[in-house]
Amino acid sequence: MQVLSSLAIVAVLLITFPSAAGALEPEEKDLGFVKLFDGKSFAGWRHNGNWEIQDGAFARVRKGGDLTYATGPAPDDFELRFDWKVSKGCNSGVYYRPGQVEYQVLDDEHSPYGENPRQSAASLFFCMAPSKRVAHPFGEWNTARIICKGTVIEHWLNEERVLSFDYADPKWAKQVELLGIRGGDLTGRGGKIYLQDHGQDVWYRNLRMRTIPANEQLTPDPNFQPIPIPAAALEKEEARVQAMLNRAKP
């Protein structure tokens, strides 16, 4: 009966996230990952003609909007793995919850966003900074993971867990409130995965996802500490927040 149950689970995953050409790593196959991109076509994805496929990667090449995985929403509990590469000064991101919930993809060195760690590569944009900066320079590939289970969120960059927190923990209330002002709700579910077109060229490849089973635990890192925000960057952020609050007034 256990074998049949496992096969049934795999069948559901394959329907939700169609498998692509090319083999997964054995470890990923055992965990139940399936590919979201076959490296050759836009099957399962929707865009406005501004994305192309280059050397097995999605490439944003002109203005036109985001690239959305249209087959279905992200599971409530999931792990998404992918590679990304940016052009000089690029700002992009991977959205995975309804609203403004984003794994930031950025050229930290040349983008003006990079001065604020809460907006740097692998941050939960406008909410939580990573614990360290480990992004490669523009033009080089990075590996990434987004892991969500219950109220715990992790962001990985280049095989390092750089963000790990429980958004229900009161000690992170200010960061969660900040995201809410921007329009993000970490309690939201049912959002579609999409890759942001923010005006600069960016590349994504090797997108694969799994549903995290109910009996698999995800424990936040008790030692996680986000990078402190420099005074000048914090002043700019506070001005931006005040502008958002002013616009929201009746």
Protein backbone atom coordinates (compact mmCIF):
# COMPACT_ATOMS: atom_id res chain seq x y z
CA MET A 1 0.00 0.00 0.00
CA GLN A 2 2.90 2.37 0.76
CA VAL A 3 4.29 1.87 -2.77
CA LEU A 4 0.93 2.62 -4.34
CA SER A 5 0.58 5.74 -2.19
CA SER A 6 4.02 6.98 -3.28
CA LEU A 7 3.21 6.38 -6.93
CA ALA A 8 -0.02 8.29 -6.55
CA ILE A 9 1.84 11.24 -5.05
CA VAL A 10 4.33 11.24 -7.91
CA ALA A 11 1.47 11.16 -10.42
CA VAL A 12 -0.12 14.22 -8.86
CA LEU A 13 3.21 16.08 -8.90
CA LEU A 14 3.76 15.27 -12.55
CA ILE A 15 0.34 16.62 -13.44
CA THR A 16 0.94 19.82 -11.47
CA PHE A 17 4.55 20.32 -12.56
CA PRO A 18 5.19 18.65 -15.94
CA SER A 19 8.54 16.93 -16.18
CA ALA A 20 11.14 18.32 -18.55
CA ALA A 21 13.81 16.73 -20.67
CA GLY A 22 17.03 15.96 -18.81
CA ALA A 23 17.60 13.98 -15.66
CA LEU A 24 17.31 15.32 -12.16
CA GLU A 25 20.04 14.63 -9.65
CA PRO A 26 19.38 11.29 -7.86
CA GLU A 27 18.91 13.12 -4.54
CA GLU A 28 16.36 15.45 -6.12
CA LYS A 29 14.51 12.59 -7.76
CA ASP A 30 14.29 10.81 -4.42
CA LEU A 31 12.86 13.96 -2.82
CA GLY A 32 10.16 14.24 -5.47
CA PHE A 33 11.43 17.17 -7.52
CA VAL A 34 10.04 17.72 -10.99
CA LYS A 35 11.30 20.13 -13.63
CA LEU A 36 9.30 23.22 -14.50
CA PHE A 37 11.33 24.03 -17.63
CA ASP A 38 12.56 21.69 -20.35
CA GLY A 39 15.32 24.04 -21.52
CA LYS A 40 13.78 24.19 -25.01
CA SER A 41 10.26 25.63 -24.86
CA PHE A 42 7.86 27.82 -22.90
CA ALA A 43 5.56 24.88 -22.19
CA GLY A 44 3.61 25.72 -19.04
CA TRP A 45 4.80 29.34 -19.00
CA ARG A 46 3.21 32.60 -20.17
CA HIS A 47 4.85 35.85 -21.30
CA ASN A 48 4.36 38.74 -23.72
CA GLY A 49 7.06 37.91 -26.25
CA ASN A 50 9.91 39.62 -24.41
CA TRP A 51 11.54 36.42 -23.16
CA GLU A 52 13.61 34.01 -25.26
CA ILE A 53 15.34 30.69 -24.68
CA GLN A 54 19.12 30.93 -24.91
CA ASP A 55 21.42 27.96 -24.25
CA GLY A 56 18.82 26.19 -22.13
CA ALA A 57 17.87 29.27 -20.12
CA PHE A 58 14.98 31.70 -20.02
CA ALA A 59 16.34 35.10 -21.10
CA ARG A 60 14.58 38.43 -20.68
CA VAL A 61 15.72 40.34 -23.77
CA ARG A 62 13.34 43.30 -24.05
CA LYS A 63 10.66 45.19 -22.18
CA GLY A 64 7.32 43.45 -21.93
CA GLY A 65 6.57 41.96 -18.52
CA ASP A 66 7.11 38.99 -16.27
CA LEU A 67 7.39 35.30 -17.14
CA THR A 68 4.72 33.33 -15.26
CA TYR A 69 4.46 29.63 -14.55
CA ALA A 70 0.82 29.40 -15.60
CA THR A 71 0.19 25.68 -15.07
CA GLY A 72 -0.82 26.10 -11.45
CA PRO A 73 -0.05 27.83 -8.16
CA ALA A 74 2.86 26.98 -5.93
CA PRO A 75 2.02 24.37 -3.28
CA ASP A 76 1.51 25.68 0.25
CA ASP A 77 4.72 23.92 1.35
CA PHE A 78 7.37 23.68 -1.33
CA GLU A 79 11.00 23.87 -2.34
CA LEU A 80 12.01 25.62 -5.54
CA ARG A 81 15.54 25.33 -6.91
CA PHE A 82 16.87 27.37 -9.81
CA ASP A 83 19.91 29.11 -11.27
CA TRP A 84 20.05 32.82 -12.09
CA LYS A 85 22.39 35.26 -13.80
CA VAL A 86 22.08 39.03 -14.12
CA SER A 87 23.30 41.72 -16.46
CA LYS A 88 25.18 44.73 -15.08
CA GLY A 89 22.99 46.71 -12.69
CA CYS A 90 20.10 44.25 -13.04
CA ASN A 91 17.18 44.07 -10.63
CA SER A 92 14.86 41.07 -10.92
CA GLY A 93 13.28 38.51 -8.64
CA VAL A 94 11.26 35.34 -8.18
CA TYR A 95 7.76 35.83 -6.74
CA TYR A 96 6.23 32.86 -4.93
CA ARG A 97 3.35 34.05 -2.73
CA PRO A 98 0.38 36.28 -3.64
CA GLY A 99 1.35 39.94 -3.64
CA GLN A 100 4.82 41.32 -3.06
CA VAL A 101 6.69 38.29 -1.73
CA GLU A 102 9.96 38.04 -3.62
CA TYR A 103 13.33 36.31 -3.62
CA GLN A 104 15.47 39.20 -4.78
CA VAL A 105 17.74 38.69 -7.79
CA LEU A 106 20.21 41.55 -8.09
CA ASP A 107 23.60 42.78 -9.20
CA ASP A 108 24.51 43.92 -5.69
CA GLU A 109 27.59 45.84 -6.82
CA HIS A 110 26.10 48.01 -9.57
CA SER A 111 22.39 48.34 -8.75
CA PRO A 112 21.40 51.22 -6.44
CA TYR A 113 19.22 48.71 -4.57
CA GLY A 114 22.37 46.92 -3.44
CA GLU A 115 23.24 49.49 -0.78
CA ASN A 116 20.36 48.18 1.36
CA PRO A 117 20.83 44.54 2.45
CA ARG A 118 17.05 44.23 2.76
CA GLN A 119 16.97 44.68 -1.02
CA SER A 120 20.11 42.71 -1.91
CA ALA A 121 20.48 39.37 -3.65
CA ALA A 122 18.67 36.52 -1.83
CA SER A 123 16.83 38.91 0.49
CA LEU A 124 13.11 38.62 1.06
CA PHE A 125 12.72 41.94 -0.66
CA PHE A 126 11.68 44.86 1.55
CA CYS A 127 11.35 42.52 4.51
CA MET A 128 14.38 40.49 5.54
CA ALA A 129 18.06 40.85 4.65
CA PRO A 130 20.25 37.78 4.21
CA SER A 131 22.86 36.93 6.82
CA LYS A 132 25.70 37.47 4.33
CA ARG A 133 26.35 38.50 0.74
CA VAL A 134 27.51 35.59 -1.41
CA ALA A 135 26.20 36.50 -4.89
CA HIS A 136 28.58 36.10 -7.82
CA PRO A 137 29.40 39.10 -10.04
CA PHE A 138 27.07 39.97 -12.91
CA GLY A 139 27.42 37.65 -15.88
CA GLU A 140 28.09 34.60 -13.66
CA TRP A 141 25.56 31.93 -12.70
CA ASN A 142 24.26 31.58 -9.16
CA THR A 143 22.36 28.67 -7.61
CA ALA A 144 19.32 29.38 -5.45
CA ARG A 145 16.63 27.74 -3.34
CA ILE A 146 13.37 28.95 -1.84
CA ILE A 147 12.00 26.67 0.88
CA CYS A 148 8.64 27.29 2.57
CA LYS A 149 7.03 25.05 5.18
CA GLY A 150 4.26 26.37 7.38
CA THR A 151 5.44 29.72 8.73
CA VAL A 152 9.14 29.08 8.07
CA ILE A 153 10.90 30.58 5.05
CA GLU A 154 14.45 29.92 3.86
CA HIS A 155 16.43 31.48 1.03
CA TRP A 156 19.63 29.84 -0.18
CA LEU A 157 22.30 31.31 -2.42
CA ASN A 158 25.24 29.42 -3.87
CA GLU A 159 24.67 26.48 -1.51
CA GLU A 160 24.56 28.66 1.60
CA ARG A 161 21.46 29.15 3.74
CA VAL A 162 21.47 32.93 4.01
CA LEU A 163 17.92 33.52 5.29
CA SER A 164 15.95 31.35 7.71
CA PHE A 165 13.13 32.59 9.92
CA ASP A 166 9.64 31.92 11.22
CA TYR A 167 7.44 34.84 10.24
CA ALA A 168 5.08 34.09 13.13
CA ASP A 169 7.89 34.71 15.65
CA PRO A 170 7.23 38.07 17.38
CA LYS A 171 10.90 39.06 17.13
CA TRP A 172 10.45 39.52 13.37
CA ALA A 173 7.20 41.51 13.65
CA LYS A 174 8.74 44.78 12.42
CA GLN A 175 10.13 43.16 9.30
CA VAL A 176 6.80 41.46 8.55
CA GLU A 177 4.99 44.76 9.09
CA LEU A 178 7.38 46.47 6.67
CA LEU A 179 6.56 43.94 3.97
CA GLY A 180 2.86 44.48 4.63
CA ILE A 181 3.24 48.20 3.93
CA ARG A 182 4.70 47.30 0.55
CA GLY A 183 1.79 44.93 -0.13
CA GLY A 184 3.21 41.54 0.80
CA ASP A 185 1.36 39.02 2.96
CA LEU A 186 3.42 36.07 4.11
CA THR A 187 0.28 34.24 5.23
CA GLY A 188 -1.04 34.21 1.65
CA ARG A 189 -1.13 30.97 -0.31
CA GLY A 190 -1.98 29.99 -3.87
CA GLY A 191 0.35 32.38 -5.67
CA LYS A 192 1.94 31.56 -9.01
CA ILE A 193 5.68 31.45 -9.52
CA TYR A 194 6.82 34.25 -11.77
CA LEU A 195 10.13 35.73 -12.89
CA GLN A 196 10.27 39.49 -12.82
CA ASP A 197 11.02 41.81 -15.71
CA HIS A 198 12.19 44.97 -13.96
CA GLY A 199 13.77 46.56 -17.01
CA GLN A 200 17.12 44.81 -17.30
CA ASP A 201 18.20 41.56 -18.90
CA VAL A 202 18.25 38.48 -16.67
CA TRP A 203 18.52 34.71 -17.16
CA TYR A 204 17.00 31.72 -15.31
CA ARG A 205 17.54 28.00 -15.83
CA ASN A 206 17.16 24.58 -14.12
CA LEU A 207 13.88 25.42 -12.43
CA ARG A 208 12.58 22.44 -10.45
CA MET A 209 10.14 22.11 -7.59
CA ARG A 210 8.82 19.66 -5.06
CA THR A 211 5.96 19.64 -2.60
CA ILE A 212 7.28 19.25 0.96
CA PRO A 213 5.39 16.41 2.69
CA ALA A 214 3.50 17.03 5.92
CA ASN A 215 5.86 14.86 7.98
CA GLU A 216 9.00 16.74 6.89
CA GLN A 217 10.09 19.38 9.39
CA LEU A 218 11.68 22.72 8.56
CA THR A 219 13.26 24.37 11.59
CA PRO A 220 14.44 27.99 11.35
CA ASP A 221 18.08 28.68 12.13
CA PRO A 222 18.13 29.92 15.75
CA ASN A 223 21.35 31.81 14.99
CA PHE A 224 20.06 33.64 11.92
CA GLN A 225 20.85 37.36 11.97
CA PRO A 226 20.13 39.57 8.97
CA ILE A 227 22.79 42.01 7.81
CA PRO A 228 22.27 45.36 9.58
CA ILE A 229 20.95 48.18 7.40
CA PRO A 230 23.45 51.05 7.01
CA ALA A 231 22.22 54.41 8.28
CA ALA A 232 22.08 56.09 4.86
CA ALA A 233 20.18 53.18 3.31
CA LEU A 234 17.80 53.04 6.27
CA GLU A 235 17.03 56.74 5.89
CA LYS A 236 16.12 56.23 2.25
CA GLU A 237 14.00 53.21 3.12
CA GLU A 238 12.12 55.12 5.79
CA ALA A 239 11.37 57.92 3.32
CA ARG A 240 10.05 55.36 0.86
CA VAL A 241 7.88 53.77 3.53
CA GLN A 242 6.43 57.15 4.49
CA ALA A 243 5.61 57.82 0.83
CA MET A 244 3.78 54.48 0.65
CA LEU A 245 1.80 55.28 3.79
CA ASN A 246 0.89 58.72 2.43
CA ARG A 247 -0.39 57.22 -0.81
CA ALA A 248 -2.47 54.72 1.13
CA LYS A 249 -4.33 57.45 3.04
CA PRO A 250 -7.97 58.02 1.97
